[in-house]
Amino acid sequence: MQRDRYVFIGVIALAAIAAMPLAHALTWLFAYVGVANPRIFGDLSLTNLVAYCIALAAALFCLLHRPTRQVAGEVVEELSKVSWPTRAETGSATVVVIVTVVICSLFLGFFDVMWRAITDWILGSATS
């Protein structure tokens, strides 16, 4: 029962997230084709309504389609078996990532400066 709740919440959240770029894509498509995009209820436009309906239909399909729901349930089961890191482990891993990014940035920046100096020297001596 707990698994079904997570599947339901996940599918609804994904549908809401998918509706947003779909609404923008439909707005661009309507503008490209030259079709008017009227307001239906206050700030709700036709493209937004169509996008939300498509996302809701996709969510309902995922919830009602047995194989899809079964796979989603299996994913939730597998995620419950995952050994998630502690807060301290996450913090130390974050520090390692930040230090690595800084070191790589300095390394690449050094080579960028060196190649620029070499290129300026070569091109500068060639033009004078």
Protein backbone atom coordinates (compact mmCIF):
# COMPACT_ATOMS: atom_id res chain seq x y z
CA MET A 1 0.00 0.00 0.00
CA GLN A 2 2.87 2.37 0.84
CA ARG A 3 4.47 1.54 -2.51
CA ASP A 4 1.31 2.53 -4.42
CA ARG A 5 1.26 5.89 -2.67
CA TYR A 6 4.83 6.64 -3.77
CA VAL A 7 4.02 5.59 -7.33
CA PHE A 8 0.93 7.83 -7.37
CA ILE A 9 2.81 10.84 -5.98
CA GLY A 10 5.71 10.31 -8.39
CA VAL A 11 3.50 9.99 -11.46
CA ILE A 12 1.47 13.09 -10.54
CA ALA A 13 4.66 15.08 -9.84
CA LEU A 14 6.18 14.03 -13.17
CA ALA A 15 2.97 14.95 -14.98
CA ALA A 16 2.99 18.41 -13.39
CA ILE A 17 6.65 18.88 -14.31
CA ALA A 18 6.06 17.67 -17.88
CA ALA A 19 3.06 20.00 -18.32
CA MET A 20 5.20 23.13 -17.94
CA PRO A 21 7.60 22.67 -20.89
CA LEU A 22 4.76 21.18 -22.92
CA ALA A 23 2.72 24.36 -22.34
CA HIS A 24 5.64 26.50 -23.51
CA ALA A 25 6.18 24.30 -26.55
CA LEU A 26 2.50 24.57 -27.47
CA THR A 27 2.63 28.36 -26.99
CA TRP A 28 5.61 28.56 -29.36
CA LEU A 29 3.87 26.25 -31.83
CA PHE A 30 0.69 28.35 -31.78
CA ALA A 31 2.77 31.50 -32.33
CA TYR A 32 4.75 29.89 -35.15
CA VAL A 33 1.62 28.67 -36.93
CA GLY A 34 -0.17 31.96 -36.31
CA VAL A 35 -3.04 30.53 -34.27
CA ALA A 36 -4.49 32.72 -31.53
CA ASN A 37 -3.92 31.62 -27.94
CA PRO A 38 -7.00 32.91 -26.13
CA ARG A 39 -7.35 33.20 -22.37
CA ILE A 40 -9.97 30.78 -21.04
CA PHE A 41 -10.13 31.28 -17.26
CA GLY A 42 -8.34 34.40 -16.06
CA ASP A 43 -4.64 33.78 -16.73
CA LEU A 44 -5.16 30.22 -18.03
CA SER A 45 -4.56 30.13 -21.78
CA LEU A 46 -5.69 27.51 -24.25
CA THR A 47 -2.17 26.11 -24.64
CA ASN A 48 -1.79 25.72 -20.88
CA LEU A 49 -5.14 23.95 -20.63
CA VAL A 50 -4.24 21.59 -23.49
CA ALA A 51 -0.80 20.88 -21.96
CA TYR A 52 -2.29 20.12 -18.53
CA CYS A 53 -4.91 17.84 -20.10
CA ILE A 54 -2.23 15.95 -22.05
CA ALA A 55 -0.09 15.58 -18.92
CA LEU A 56 -3.10 14.42 -16.90
CA ALA A 57 -4.01 11.88 -19.59
CA ALA A 58 -0.44 10.57 -19.60
CA ALA A 59 -0.50 10.30 -15.79
CA LEU A 60 -3.82 8.45 -15.87
CA PHE A 61 -2.46 6.10 -18.52
CA CYS A 62 0.61 5.35 -16.38
CA LEU A 63 -1.54 4.78 -13.30
CA LEU A 64 -4.09 2.58 -15.05
CA HIS A 65 -1.72 0.62 -17.30
CA ARG A 66 -0.82 -2.44 -15.25
CA PRO A 67 2.68 -3.13 -16.69
CA THR A 68 3.72 0.49 -16.25
CA ARG A 69 2.40 0.59 -12.70
CA GLN A 70 4.14 -2.70 -11.95
CA VAL A 71 7.50 -1.42 -13.20
CA ALA A 72 7.09 1.78 -11.17
CA GLY A 73 6.30 -0.31 -8.09
CA GLU A 74 9.41 -2.40 -8.66
CA VAL A 75 11.47 0.78 -8.91
CA VAL A 76 10.07 1.96 -5.56
CA GLU A 77 10.91 -1.44 -4.03
CA GLU A 78 14.47 -1.29 -5.31
CA LEU A 79 14.90 2.26 -4.06
CA SER A 80 13.80 1.15 -0.60
CA LYS A 81 16.75 -1.28 -0.60
CA VAL A 82 19.30 1.43 -1.39
CA SER A 83 21.79 2.31 1.31
CA TRP A 84 21.56 6.11 1.32
CA PRO A 85 24.56 8.12 2.55
CA THR A 86 24.48 9.90 5.89
CA ARG A 87 24.56 13.67 6.15
CA ALA A 88 28.26 13.58 7.10
CA GLU A 89 29.12 11.36 4.10
CA THR A 90 27.21 13.67 1.79
CA GLY A 91 28.99 16.71 3.22
CA SER A 92 32.45 15.19 2.83
CA ALA A 93 31.67 14.03 -0.73
CA THR A 94 30.49 17.56 -1.56
CA VAL A 95 33.77 19.01 -0.26
CA VAL A 96 35.73 16.53 -2.39
CA VAL A 97 33.75 17.52 -5.49
CA ILE A 98 34.21 21.25 -4.86
CA VAL A 99 37.97 20.88 -4.26
CA THR A 100 38.30 18.74 -7.40
CA VAL A 101 36.43 21.32 -9.48
CA VAL A 102 38.61 24.15 -8.15
CA ILE A 103 41.83 22.21 -8.86
CA CYS A 104 40.67 21.32 -12.40
CA SER A 105 39.61 24.94 -13.01
CA LEU A 106 43.00 26.24 -11.90
CA PHE A 107 44.76 23.64 -14.06
CA LEU A 108 42.72 24.51 -17.15
CA GLY A 109 43.01 28.23 -16.43
CA PHE A 110 46.81 27.93 -16.24
CA PHE A 111 46.96 26.20 -19.60
CA ASP A 112 44.55 28.75 -21.07
CA VAL A 113 46.82 31.60 -19.96
CA MET A 114 49.91 29.78 -21.25
CA TRP A 115 48.39 29.00 -24.66
CA ARG A 116 47.12 32.57 -24.98
CA ALA A 117 50.56 33.95 -24.18
CA ILE A 118 52.20 31.58 -26.67
CA THR A 119 49.61 32.39 -29.34
CA ASP A 120 49.97 36.15 -28.76
CA TRP A 121 53.76 35.82 -28.93
CA ILE A 122 53.62 33.84 -32.19
CA LEU A 123 50.98 36.04 -33.83
CA GLY A 124 52.50 39.22 -32.42
CA SER A 125 55.94 38.44 -33.83
CA ALA A 126 54.45 37.37 -37.16
CA THR A 127 52.61 40.66 -37.66
CA SER A 128 55.45 42.99 -36.68
